[in-house]
PDB file of all heavy atoms in Angstrom:
ATOM      1  N   ALA A   1     178.971 227.588 138.721  1.00  0.00           N
ATOM      2  CA  ALA A   1     179.760 228.774 139.048  1.00  0.00           C
ATOM      3  C   ALA A   1     181.135 228.713 138.396  1.00  0.00           C
ATOM      4  O   ALA A   1     181.619 229.703 137.829  1.00  0.00           O
ATOM      5  CB  ALA A   1     179.885 228.911 140.564  1.00  0.00           C
ATOM      6  N   LYS A   2     181.782 227.561 138.444  1.00  0.00           N
ATOM      7  CA  LYS A   2     183.102 227.419 137.835  1.00  0.00           C
ATOM      8  C   LYS A   2     183.030 227.533 136.315  1.00  0.00           C
ATOM      9  O   LYS A   2     183.912 228.134 135.679  1.00  0.00           O
ATOM     10  CB  LYS A   2     183.707 226.064 138.217  1.00  0.00           C
ATOM     11  CG  LYS A   2     184.218 225.978 139.650  1.00  0.00           C
ATOM     12  CD  LYS A   2     184.882 224.634 139.872  1.00  0.00           C
ATOM     13  CE  LYS A   2     185.507 224.546 141.253  1.00  0.00           C
ATOM     14  NZ  LYS A   2     186.158 223.217 141.469  1.00  0.00           N
ATOM     15  N   ALA A   3     181.986 226.950 135.704  1.00  0.00           N
ATOM     16  CA  ALA A   3     181.853 227.011 134.244  1.00  0.00           C
ATOM     17  C   ALA A   3     181.655 228.444 133.773  1.00  0.00           C
ATOM     18  O   ALA A   3     182.229 228.855 132.747  1.00  0.00           O
ATOM     19  CB  ALA A   3     180.689 226.134 133.791  1.00  0.00           C
ATOM     20  N   LEU A   4     180.851 229.218 134.508  1.00  0.00           N
ATOM     21  CA  LEU A   4     180.669 230.626 134.162  1.00  0.00           C
ATOM     22  C   LEU A   4     181.988 231.382 134.296  1.00  0.00           C
ATOM     23  O   LEU A   4     182.330 232.211 133.432  1.00  0.00           O
ATOM     24  CB  LEU A   4     179.606 231.247 135.070  1.00  0.00           C
ATOM     25  CG  LEU A   4     179.345 232.750 134.889  1.00  0.00           C
ATOM     26  CD1 LEU A   4     178.852 233.044 133.480  1.00  0.00           C
ATOM     27  CD2 LEU A   4     178.326 233.243 135.916  1.00  0.00           C
ATOM     28  N   ALA A   5     182.738 231.084 135.348  1.00  0.00           N
ATOM     29  CA  ALA A   5     184.012 231.767 135.565  1.00  0.00           C
ATOM     30  C   ALA A   5     185.014 231.430 134.474  1.00  0.00           C
ATOM     31  O   ALA A   5     185.720 232.316 133.961  1.00  0.00           O
ATOM     32  CB  ALA A   5     184.575 231.389 136.940  1.00  0.00           C
ATOM     33  N   ARG A   6     185.080 230.172 134.075  1.00  0.00           N
ATOM     34  CA  ARG A   6     186.056 229.768 133.071  1.00  0.00           C
ATOM     35  C   ARG A   6     185.679 230.205 131.663  1.00  0.00           C
ATOM     36  O   ARG A   6     186.532 230.208 130.776  1.00  0.00           O
ATOM     37  CB  ARG A   6     186.238 228.243 133.107  1.00  0.00           C
ATOM     38  CG  ARG A   6     186.872 227.737 134.392  1.00  0.00           C
ATOM     39  CD  ARG A   6     187.330 226.301 134.259  1.00  0.00           C
ATOM     40  NE  ARG A   6     187.924 225.815 135.506  1.00  0.00           N
ATOM     41  CZ  ARG A   6     188.522 224.637 135.638  1.00  0.00           C
ATOM     42  NH1 ARG A   6     188.603 223.829 134.590  1.00  0.00           N
ATOM     43  NH2 ARG A   6     189.031 224.269 136.794  1.00  0.00           N
ATOM     44  N   SER A   7     184.436 230.548 131.451  1.00  0.00           N
ATOM     45  CA  SER A   7     184.011 230.987 130.122  1.00  0.00           C
ATOM     46  C   SER A   7     184.446 232.411 129.825  1.00  0.00           C
ATOM     47  O   SER A   7     184.345 232.860 128.676  1.00  0.00           O
ATOM     48  CB  SER A   7     182.480 230.873 129.991  1.00  0.00           C
ATOM     49  OG  SER A   7     182.054 229.530 130.124  1.00  0.00           O
ATOM     50  N   ILE A   8     184.900 233.124 130.829  1.00  0.00           N
ATOM     51  CA  ILE A   8     185.310 234.513 130.673  1.00  0.00           C
ATOM     52  C   ILE A   8     186.795 234.614 131.008  1.00  0.00           C
ATOM     53  O   ILE A   8     187.236 234.173 132.063  1.00  0.00           O
ATOM     54  CB  ILE A   8     184.501 235.445 131.590  1.00  0.00           C
ATOM     55  CG1 ILE A   8     183.004 235.274 131.326  1.00  0.00           C
ATOM     56  CG2 ILE A   8     184.906 236.891 131.405  1.00  0.00           C
ATOM     57  CD1 ILE A   8     182.134 235.944 132.349  1.00  0.00           C
ATOM     58  N   ASP A   9     187.566 235.180 130.101  1.00  0.00           N
ATOM     59  CA  ASP A   9     189.003 235.337 130.310  1.00  0.00           C
ATOM     60  C   ASP A   9     189.252 236.550 131.198  1.00  0.00           C
ATOM     61  O   ASP A   9     189.561 237.641 130.732  1.00  0.00           O
ATOM     62  CB  ASP A   9     189.710 235.504 128.961  1.00  0.00           C
ATOM     63  CG  ASP A   9     191.220 235.526 129.115  1.00  0.00           C
ATOM     64  OD1 ASP A   9     191.702 235.139 130.199  1.00  0.00           O
ATOM     65  OD2 ASP A   9     191.917 235.942 128.170  1.00  0.00           O
ATOM     66  N   CYS A  10     189.039 236.353 132.506  1.00  0.00           N
ATOM     67  CA  CYS A  10     189.247 237.426 133.474  1.00  0.00           C
ATOM     68  C   CYS A  10     189.713 236.794 134.780  1.00  0.00           C
ATOM     69  O   CYS A  10     189.802 235.572 134.900  1.00  0.00           O
ATOM     70  CB  CYS A  10     187.975 238.249 133.677  1.00  0.00           C
ATOM     71  SG  CYS A  10     186.576 237.303 134.303  1.00  0.00           S
ATOM     72  N   SER A  11     190.005 237.620 135.755  1.00  0.00           N
ATOM     73  CA  SER A  11     190.506 237.103 137.021  1.00  0.00           C
ATOM     74  C   SER A  11     189.384 236.432 137.803  1.00  0.00           C
ATOM     75  O   SER A  11     188.278 236.964 137.911  1.00  0.00           O
ATOM     76  CB  SER A  11     191.122 238.229 137.853  1.00  0.00           C
ATOM     77  OG  SER A  11     190.182 239.266 138.068  1.00  0.00           O
ATOM     78  N   VAL A  12     189.683 235.246 138.325  1.00  0.00           N
ATOM     79  CA  VAL A  12     188.703 234.440 139.046  1.00  0.00           C
ATOM     80  C   VAL A  12     189.342 233.935 140.334  1.00  0.00           C
ATOM     81  O   VAL A  12     190.477 233.468 140.335  1.00  0.00           O
ATOM     82  CB  VAL A  12     188.217 233.241 138.195  1.00  0.00           C
ATOM     83  CG1 VAL A  12     187.217 232.418 138.984  1.00  0.00           C
ATOM     84  CG2 VAL A  12     187.631 233.702 136.881  1.00  0.00           C
ATOM     85  N   ARG A  13     188.617 234.074 141.435  1.00  0.00           N
ATOM     86  CA  ARG A  13     189.087 233.531 142.708  1.00  0.00           C
ATOM     87  C   ARG A  13     187.971 232.708 143.342  1.00  0.00           C
ATOM     88  O   ARG A  13     186.803 233.079 143.261  1.00  0.00           O
ATOM     89  CB  ARG A  13     189.495 234.656 143.666  1.00  0.00           C
ATOM     90  CG  ARG A  13     190.639 235.528 143.173  1.00  0.00           C
ATOM     91  CD  ARG A  13     191.980 234.799 143.169  1.00  0.00           C
ATOM     92  NE  ARG A  13     192.416 234.465 144.515  1.00  0.00           N
ATOM     93  CZ  ARG A  13     193.120 235.288 145.288  1.00  0.00           C
ATOM     94  NH1 ARG A  13     193.416 236.511 144.871  1.00  0.00           N
ATOM     95  NH2 ARG A  13     193.520 234.904 146.481  1.00  0.00           N
ATOM     96  N   ARG A  14     188.355 231.633 143.966  1.00  0.00           N
ATOM     97  CA  ARG A  14     187.388 230.762 144.644  1.00  0.00           C
ATOM     98  C   ARG A  14     187.665 230.781 146.142  1.00  0.00           C
ATOM     99  O   ARG A  14     188.812 230.665 146.569  1.00  0.00           O
ATOM    100  CB  ARG A  14     187.481 229.338 144.113  1.00  0.00           C
ATOM    101  CG  ARG A  14     186.491 228.363 144.744  1.00  0.00           C
ATOM    102  CD  ARG A  14     186.628 226.984 144.106  1.00  0.00           C
ATOM    103  NE  ARG A  14     185.649 226.049 144.624  1.00  0.00           N
ATOM    104  CZ  ARG A  14     185.831 225.281 145.692  1.00  0.00           C
ATOM    105  NH1 ARG A  14     186.981 225.344 146.359  1.00  0.00           N
ATOM    106  NH2 ARG A  14     184.890 224.440 146.097  1.00  0.00           N
ATOM    107  N   ILE A  15     186.602 230.938 146.913  1.00  0.00           N
ATOM    108  CA  ILE A  15     186.709 230.950 148.372  1.00  0.00           C
ATOM    109  C   ILE A  15     185.881 229.788 148.916  1.00  0.00           C
ATOM    110  O   ILE A  15     184.680 229.706 148.670  1.00  0.00           O
ATOM    111  CB  ILE A  15     186.196 232.263 148.983  1.00  0.00           C
ATOM    112  CG1 ILE A  15     186.862 233.475 148.317  1.00  0.00           C
ATOM    113  CG2 ILE A  15     186.439 232.289 150.480  1.00  0.00           C
ATOM    114  CD1 ILE A  15     186.281 234.803 148.776  1.00  0.00           C
ATOM    115  N   GLN A  16     186.529 228.890 149.645  1.00  0.00           N
ATOM    116  CA  GLN A  16     185.803 227.826 150.332  1.00  0.00           C
ATOM    117  C   GLN A  16     185.454 228.328 151.726  1.00  0.00           C
ATOM    118  O   GLN A  16     186.326 228.471 152.594  1.00  0.00           O
ATOM    119  CB  GLN A  16     186.650 226.561 150.423  1.00  0.00           C
ATOM    120  CG  GLN A  16     185.941 225.399 151.107  1.00  0.00           C
ATOM    121  CD  GLN A  16     184.732 224.930 150.316  1.00  0.00           C
ATOM    122  OE1 GLN A  16     184.822 224.597 149.143  1.00  0.00           O
ATOM    123  NE2 GLN A  16     183.576 224.908 150.970  1.00  0.00           N
ATOM    124  N   PHE A  17     184.183 228.649 151.939  1.00  0.00           N
ATOM    125  CA  PHE A  17     183.767 229.219 153.220  1.00  0.00           C
ATOM    126  C   PHE A  17     183.709 228.123 154.278  1.00  0.00           C
ATOM    127  O   PHE A  17     183.036 227.108 154.095  1.00  0.00           O
ATOM    128  CB  PHE A  17     182.416 229.906 153.082  1.00  0.00           C
ATOM    129  CG  PHE A  17     182.493 231.260 152.444  1.00  0.00           C
ATOM    130  CD1 PHE A  17     182.522 231.388 151.065  1.00  0.00           C
ATOM    131  CD2 PHE A  17     182.563 232.404 153.220  1.00  0.00           C
ATOM    132  CE1 PHE A  17     182.609 232.631 150.475  1.00  0.00           C
ATOM    133  CE2 PHE A  17     182.647 233.655 152.639  1.00  0.00           C
ATOM    134  CZ  PHE A  17     182.673 233.778 151.258  1.00  0.00           C
ATOM    135  N   THR A  18     184.413 228.360 155.364  1.00  0.00           N
ATOM    136  CA  THR A  18     184.466 227.438 156.496  1.00  0.00           C
ATOM    137  C   THR A  18     184.320 228.240 157.786  1.00  0.00           C
ATOM    138  O   THR A  18     184.509 229.465 157.790  1.00  0.00           O
ATOM    139  CB  THR A  18     185.805 226.667 156.516  1.00  0.00           C
ATOM    140  OG1 THR A  18     186.889 227.611 156.515  1.00  0.00           O
ATOM    141  CG2 THR A  18     185.930 225.756 155.298  1.00  0.00           C
ATOM    142  N   PRO A  19     183.991 227.577 158.901  1.00  0.00           N
ATOM    143  CA  PRO A  19     183.811 228.325 160.162  1.00  0.00           C
ATOM    144  C   PRO A  19     185.049 229.088 160.618  1.00  0.00           C
ATOM    145  O   PRO A  19     184.936 230.093 161.328  1.00  0.00           O
ATOM    146  CB  PRO A  19     183.433 227.226 161.163  1.00  0.00           C
ATOM    147  CG  PRO A  19     182.814 226.159 160.332  1.00  0.00           C
ATOM    148  CD  PRO A  19     183.566 226.172 159.037  1.00  0.00           C
ATOM    149  N   ASP A  20     186.257 228.632 160.214  1.00  0.00           N
ATOM    150  CA  ASP A  20     187.470 229.301 160.669  1.00  0.00           C
ATOM    151  C   ASP A  20     187.971 230.359 159.691  1.00  0.00           C
ATOM    152  O   ASP A  20     189.025 230.948 159.902  1.00  0.00           O
ATOM    153  CB  ASP A  20     188.574 228.281 160.932  1.00  0.00           C
ATOM    154  CG  ASP A  20     188.940 227.473 159.691  1.00  0.00           C
ATOM    155  OD1 ASP A  20     188.149 227.497 158.727  1.00  0.00           O
ATOM    156  OD2 ASP A  20     190.006 226.822 159.692  1.00  0.00           O
ATOM    157  N   LEU A  21     187.220 230.620 158.627  1.00  0.00           N
ATOM    158  CA  LEU A  21     187.611 231.653 157.675  1.00  0.00           C
ATOM    159  C   LEU A  21     187.459 233.031 158.309  1.00  0.00           C
ATOM    160  O   LEU A  21     186.453 233.325 158.963  1.00  0.00           O
ATOM    161  CB  LEU A  21     186.738 231.559 156.414  1.00  0.00           C
ATOM    162  CG  LEU A  21     187.166 232.404 155.218  1.00  0.00           C
ATOM    163  CD1 LEU A  21     188.420 231.824 154.575  1.00  0.00           C
ATOM    164  CD2 LEU A  21     186.040 232.483 154.181  1.00  0.00           C
ATOM    165  N   LEU A  22     188.457 233.887 158.115  1.00  0.00           N
ATOM    166  CA  LEU A  22     188.459 235.219 158.714  1.00  0.00           C
ATOM    167  C   LEU A  22     188.070 236.273 157.686  1.00  0.00           C
ATOM    168  O   LEU A  22     188.272 236.083 156.479  1.00  0.00           O
ATOM    169  CB  LEU A  22     189.847 235.545 159.275  1.00  0.00           C
ATOM    170  CG  LEU A  22     190.367 234.639 160.392  1.00  0.00           C
ATOM    171  CD1 LEU A  22     191.790 235.018 160.757  1.00  0.00           C
ATOM    172  CD2 LEU A  22     189.452 234.701 161.613  1.00  0.00           C
ATOM    173  N   PRO A  23     187.523 237.412 158.134  1.00  0.00           N
ATOM    174  CA  PRO A  23     187.207 238.486 157.180  1.00  0.00           C
ATOM    175  C   PRO A  23     188.415 238.946 156.379  1.00  0.00           C
ATOM    176  O   PRO A  23     188.293 239.296 155.201  1.00  0.00           O
ATOM    177  CB  PRO A  23     186.676 239.596 158.088  1.00  0.00           C
ATOM    178  CG  PRO A  23     186.165 238.898 159.300  1.00  0.00           C
ATOM    179  CD  PRO A  23     187.065 237.719 159.492  1.00  0.00           C
ATOM    180  N   SER A  24     189.595 238.956 156.992  1.00  0.00           N
ATOM    181  CA  SER A  24     190.804 239.375 156.282  1.00  0.00           C
ATOM    182  C   SER A  24     191.172 238.413 155.158  1.00  0.00           C
ATOM    183  O   SER A  24     191.838 238.811 154.199  1.00  0.00           O
ATOM    184  CB  SER A  24     191.974 239.507 157.265  1.00  0.00           C
ATOM    185  OG  SER A  24     192.211 238.276 157.932  1.00  0.00           O
ATOM    186  N   ASP A  25     190.761 237.142 155.271  1.00  0.00           N
ATOM    187  CA  ASP A  25     190.995 236.195 154.182  1.00  0.00           C
ATOM    188  C   ASP A  25     190.198 236.572 152.944  1.00  0.00           C
ATOM    189  O   ASP A  25     190.569 236.238 151.822  1.00  0.00           O
ATOM    190  CB  ASP A  25     190.623 234.771 154.614  1.00  0.00           C
ATOM    191  CG  ASP A  25     191.477 234.272 155.770  1.00  0.00           C
ATOM    192  OD1 ASP A  25     192.657 234.665 155.831  1.00  0.00           O
ATOM    193  OD2 ASP A  25     190.955 233.503 156.603  1.00  0.00           O
ATOM    194  N   VAL A  26     189.099 237.269 153.151  1.00  0.00           N
ATOM    195  CA  VAL A  26     188.236 237.675 152.045  1.00  0.00           C
ATOM    196  C   VAL A  26     188.651 239.031 151.491  1.00  0.00           C
ATOM    197  O   VAL A  26     188.830 239.202 150.280  1.00  0.00           O
ATOM    198  CB  VAL A  26     186.757 237.713 152.501  1.00  0.00           C
ATOM    199  CG1 VAL A  26     185.866 238.192 151.366  1.00  0.00           C
ATOM    200  CG2 VAL A  26     186.315 236.342 152.994  1.00  0.00           C
ATOM    201  N   THR A  27     188.818 240.015 152.371  1.00  0.00           N
ATOM    202  CA  THR A  27     189.066 241.381 151.920  1.00  0.00           C
ATOM    203  C   THR A  27     190.544 241.703 151.748  1.00  0.00           C
ATOM    204  O   THR A  27     190.909 242.526 150.912  1.00  0.00           O
ATOM    205  CB  THR A  27     188.460 242.378 152.915  1.00  0.00           C
ATOM    206  OG1 THR A  27     189.060 242.178 154.201  1.00  0.00           O
ATOM    207  CG2 THR A  27     186.951 242.179 153.024  1.00  0.00           C
ATOM    208  N   GLY A  28     191.394 241.088 152.541  1.00  0.00           N
ATOM    209  CA  GLY A  28     192.812 241.407 152.527  1.00  0.00           C
ATOM    210  C   GLY A  28     193.245 241.974 153.866  1.00  0.00           C
ATOM    211  O   GLY A  28     192.424 242.255 154.747  1.00  0.00           O
ATOM    212  N   VAL A  29     194.542 242.178 154.016  1.00  0.00           N
ATOM    213  CA  VAL A  29     195.083 242.624 155.292  1.00  0.00           C
ATOM    214  C   VAL A  29     196.329 243.466 155.059  1.00  0.00           C
ATOM    215  O   VAL A  29     197.040 243.288 154.061  1.00  0.00           O
ATOM    216  CB  VAL A  29     195.412 241.406 156.188  1.00  0.00           C
ATOM    217  CG1 VAL A  29     196.512 240.557 155.578  1.00  0.00           C
ATOM    218  CG2 VAL A  29     195.769 241.831 157.597  1.00  0.00           C
ATOM    219  N   SER A  30     196.574 244.404 155.953  1.00  0.00           N
ATOM    220  CA  SER A  30     197.786 245.214 155.894  1.00  0.00           C
ATOM    221  C   SER A  30     198.897 244.505 156.667  1.00  0.00           C
ATOM    222  O   SER A  30     198.718 244.156 157.840  1.00  0.00           O
ATOM    223  CB  SER A  30     197.546 246.607 156.482  1.00  0.00           C
ATOM    224  OG  SER A  30     196.613 247.322 155.703  1.00  0.00           O
ATOM    225  N   VAL A  31     200.024 244.288 156.018  1.00  0.00           N
ATOM    226  CA  VAL A  31     201.155 243.560 156.608  1.00  0.00           C
ATOM    227  C   VAL A  31     202.350 244.503 156.720  1.00  0.00           C
ATOM    228  O   VAL A  31     202.635 245.280 155.789  1.00  0.00           O
ATOM    229  CB  VAL A  31     201.514 242.326 155.751  1.00  0.00           C
ATOM    230  CG1 VAL A  31     202.692 241.576 156.356  1.00  0.00           C
ATOM    231  CG2 VAL A  31     200.313 241.399 155.617  1.00  0.00           C
ATOM    232  N   TYR A  32     203.042 244.417 157.820  1.00  0.00           N
ATOM    233  CA  TYR A  32     204.217 245.277 158.041  1.00  0.00           C
ATOM    234  C   TYR A  32     205.402 244.751 157.246  1.00  0.00           C
ATOM    235  O   TYR A  32     205.768 243.577 157.328  1.00  0.00           O
ATOM    236  CB  TYR A  32     204.567 245.335 159.526  1.00  0.00           C
ATOM    237  CG  TYR A  32     205.692 246.291 159.843  1.00  0.00           C
ATOM    238  CD1 TYR A  32     205.477 247.670 159.825  1.00  0.00           C
ATOM    239  CD2 TYR A  32     206.962 245.819 160.143  1.00  0.00           C
ATOM    240  CE1 TYR A  32     206.503 248.557 160.118  1.00  0.00           C
ATOM    241  CE2 TYR A  32     207.998 246.685 160.441  1.00  0.00           C
ATOM    242  CZ  TYR A  32     207.762 248.063 160.414  1.00  0.00           C
ATOM    243  OH  TYR A  32     208.784 248.931 160.686  1.00  0.00           O
ATOM    244  N   ASN A  33     205.972 245.641 156.430  1.00  0.00           N
ATOM    245  CA  ASN A  33     207.146 245.303 155.630  1.00  0.00           C
ATOM    246  C   ASN A  33     208.383 245.837 156.338  1.00  0.00           C
ATOM    247  O   ASN A  33     208.550 247.054 156.489  1.00  0.00           O
ATOM    248  CB  ASN A  33     207.016 245.927 154.233  1.00  0.00           C
ATOM    249  CG  ASN A  33     208.096 245.432 153.283  1.00  0.00           C
ATOM    250  OD1 ASN A  33     209.230 245.184 153.693  1.00  0.00           O
ATOM    251  ND2 ASN A  33     207.738 245.313 152.016  1.00  0.00           N
ATOM    252  N   GLN A  34     209.252 244.936 156.776  1.00  0.00           N
ATOM    253  CA  GLN A  34     210.432 245.350 157.534  1.00  0.00           C
ATOM    254  C   GLN A  34     211.429 246.107 156.677  1.00  0.00           C
ATOM    255  O   GLN A  34     212.194 246.931 157.196  1.00  0.00           O
ATOM    256  CB  GLN A  34     211.101 244.119 158.158  1.00  0.00           C
ATOM    257  CG  GLN A  34     210.259 243.444 159.226  1.00  0.00           C
ATOM    258  CD  GLN A  34     210.980 242.300 159.898  1.00  0.00           C
ATOM    259  OE1 GLN A  34     212.050 241.890 159.446  1.00  0.00           O
ATOM    260  NE2 GLN A  34     210.403 241.796 160.981  1.00  0.00           N
ATOM    261  N   GLU A  35     211.454 245.865 155.372  1.00  0.00           N
ATOM    262  CA  GLU A  35     212.411 246.557 154.517  1.00  0.00           C
ATOM    263  C   GLU A  35     212.018 248.023 154.341  1.00  0.00           C
ATOM    264  O   GLU A  35     212.858 248.916 154.420  1.00  0.00           O
ATOM    265  CB  GLU A  35     212.496 245.873 153.156  1.00  0.00           C
ATOM    266  CG  GLU A  35     213.068 244.457 153.226  1.00  0.00           C
ATOM    267  CD  GLU A  35     213.165 243.825 151.851  1.00  0.00           C
ATOM    268  OE1 GLU A  35     212.745 244.484 150.870  1.00  0.00           O
ATOM    269  OE2 GLU A  35     213.663 242.694 151.753  1.00  0.00           O
ATOM    270  N   THR A  36     210.737 248.263 154.073  1.00  0.00           N
ATOM    271  CA  THR A  36     210.275 249.642 153.892  1.00  0.00           C
ATOM    272  C   THR A  36     209.838 250.278 155.200  1.00  0.00           C
ATOM    273  O   THR A  36     209.579 251.486 155.250  1.00  0.00           O
ATOM    274  CB  THR A  36     209.100 249.671 152.899  1.00  0.00           C
ATOM    275  OG1 THR A  36     208.012 248.909 153.441  1.00  0.00           O
ATOM    276  CG2 THR A  36     209.524 249.096 151.559  1.00  0.00           C
ATOM    277  N   ARG A  37     209.728 249.463 156.257  1.00  0.00           N
ATOM    278  CA  ARG A  37     209.278 249.932 157.569  1.00  0.00           C
ATOM    279  C   ARG A  37     207.921 250.635 157.469  1.00  0.00           C
ATOM    280  O   ARG A  37     207.708 251.696 158.039  1.00  0.00           O
ATOM    281  CB  ARG A  37     210.322 250.849 158.203  1.00  0.00           C
ATOM    282  CG  ARG A  37     211.620 250.146 158.519  1.00  0.00           C
ATOM    283  CD  ARG A  37     212.564 251.041 159.278  1.00  0.00           C
ATOM    284  NE  ARG A  37     213.787 250.326 159.635  1.00  0.00           N
ATOM    285  CZ  ARG A  37     214.788 250.840 160.354  1.00  0.00           C
ATOM    286  NH1 ARG A  37     214.674 252.106 160.801  1.00  0.00           N
ATOM    287  NH2 ARG A  37     215.855 250.134 160.623  1.00  0.00           N
ATOM    288  N   ASP A  38     207.060 250.000 156.723  1.00  0.00           N
ATOM    289  CA  ASP A  38     205.713 250.541 156.542  1.00  0.00           C
ATOM    290  C   ASP A  38     204.762 249.382 156.276  1.00  0.00           C
ATOM    291  O   ASP A  38     205.187 248.278 155.922  1.00  0.00           O
ATOM    292  CB  ASP A  38     205.683 251.528 155.371  1.00  0.00           C
ATOM    293  CG  ASP A  38     204.433 252.404 155.405  1.00  0.00           C
ATOM    294  OD1 ASP A  38     203.672 252.295 156.385  1.00  0.00           O
ATOM    295  OD2 ASP A  38     204.237 253.177 154.448  1.00  0.00           O
ATOM    296  N   PHE A  39     203.475 249.647 156.450  1.00  0.00           N
ATOM    297  CA  PHE A  39     202.471 248.623 156.194  1.00  0.00           C
ATOM    298  C   PHE A  39     202.097 248.633 154.710  1.00  0.00           C
ATOM    299  O   PHE A  39     201.943 249.713 154.108  1.00  0.00           O
ATOM    300  CB  PHE A  39     201.214 248.868 157.041  1.00  0.00           C
ATOM    301  CG  PHE A  39     201.387 248.510 158.485  1.00  0.00           C
ATOM    302  CD1 PHE A  39     201.818 249.462 159.405  1.00  0.00           C
ATOM    303  CD2 PHE A  39     201.134 247.226 158.927  1.00  0.00           C
ATOM    304  CE1 PHE A  39     201.987 249.144 160.737  1.00  0.00           C
ATOM    305  CE2 PHE A  39     201.294 246.894 160.259  1.00  0.00           C
ATOM    306  CZ  PHE A  39     201.719 247.852 161.166  1.00  0.00           C
ATOM    307  N   GLU A  40     201.978 247.474 154.138  1.00  0.00           N
ATOM    308  CA  GLU A  40     201.537 247.347 152.754  1.00  0.00           C
ATOM    309  C   GLU A  40     200.343 246.399 152.689  1.00  0.00           C
ATOM    310  O   GLU A  40     200.255 245.441 153.451  1.00  0.00           O
ATOM    311  CB  GLU A  40     202.654 246.864 151.840  1.00  0.00           C
ATOM    312  CG  GLU A  40     203.212 245.506 152.181  1.00  0.00           C
ATOM    313  CD  GLU A  40     204.331 245.104 151.235  1.00  0.00           C
ATOM    314  OE1 GLU A  40     205.054 246.000 150.746  1.00  0.00           O
ATOM    315  OE2 GLU A  40     204.477 243.878 150.998  1.00  0.00           O
ATOM    316  N   PHE A  41     199.445 246.690 151.775  1.00  0.00           N
ATOM    317  CA  PHE A  41     198.189 245.946 151.693  1.00  0.00           C
ATOM    318  C   PHE A  41     198.356 244.696 150.840  1.00  0.00           C
ATOM    319  O   PHE A  41     198.866 244.758 149.720  1.00  0.00           O
ATOM    320  CB  PHE A  41     197.100 246.848 151.094  1.00  0.00           C
ATOM    321  CG  PHE A  41     195.767 246.173 150.933  1.00  0.00           C
ATOM    322  CD1 PHE A  41     195.034 245.761 152.041  1.00  0.00           C
ATOM    323  CD2 PHE A  41     195.251 245.933 149.674  1.00  0.00           C
ATOM    324  CE1 PHE A  41     193.813 245.137 151.902  1.00  0.00           C
ATOM    325  CE2 PHE A  41     194.023 245.310 149.512  1.00  0.00           C
ATOM    326  CZ  PHE A  41     193.309 244.916 150.628  1.00  0.00           C
ATOM    327  N   LYS A  42     197.916 243.580 151.374  1.00  0.00           N
ATOM    328  CA  LYS A  42     197.895 242.313 150.647  1.00  0.00           C
ATOM    329  C   LYS A  42     196.444 242.002 150.289  1.00  0.00           C
ATOM    330  O   LYS A  42     195.633 241.691 151.169  1.00  0.00           O
ATOM    331  CB  LYS A  42     198.464 241.184 151.513  1.00  0.00           C
ATOM    332  CG  LYS A  42     199.917 241.372 151.909  1.00  0.00           C
ATOM    333  CD  LYS A  42     200.844 241.299 150.710  1.00  0.00           C
ATOM    334  CE  LYS A  42     202.308 241.407 151.140  1.00  0.00           C
ATOM    335  NZ  LYS A  42     203.221 241.379 149.971  1.00  0.00           N
ATOM    336  N   PRO A  43     196.076 242.100 149.007  1.00  0.00           N
ATOM    337  CA  PRO A  43     194.667 241.901 148.617  1.00  0.00           C
ATOM    338  C   PRO A  43     194.180 240.500 148.959  1.00  0.00           C
ATOM    339  O   PRO A  43     194.927 239.510 148.868  1.00  0.00           O
ATOM    340  CB  PRO A  43     194.684 242.133 147.099  1.00  0.00           C
ATOM    341  CG  PRO A  43     195.943 242.910 146.838  1.00  0.00           C
ATOM    342  CD  PRO A  43     196.923 242.451 147.868  1.00  0.00           C
TER     343      PRO A  43
END
């Protein structure tokens, strides 16, 4: 899997799946930004 990923010059992310991994760790989460006073998405 790593060799295939490194053979292509594109964005690659690795996820080590564990019992304590949350869905938001995979998809992302909306975080409140105190400066803009609004929620912004963290991929």
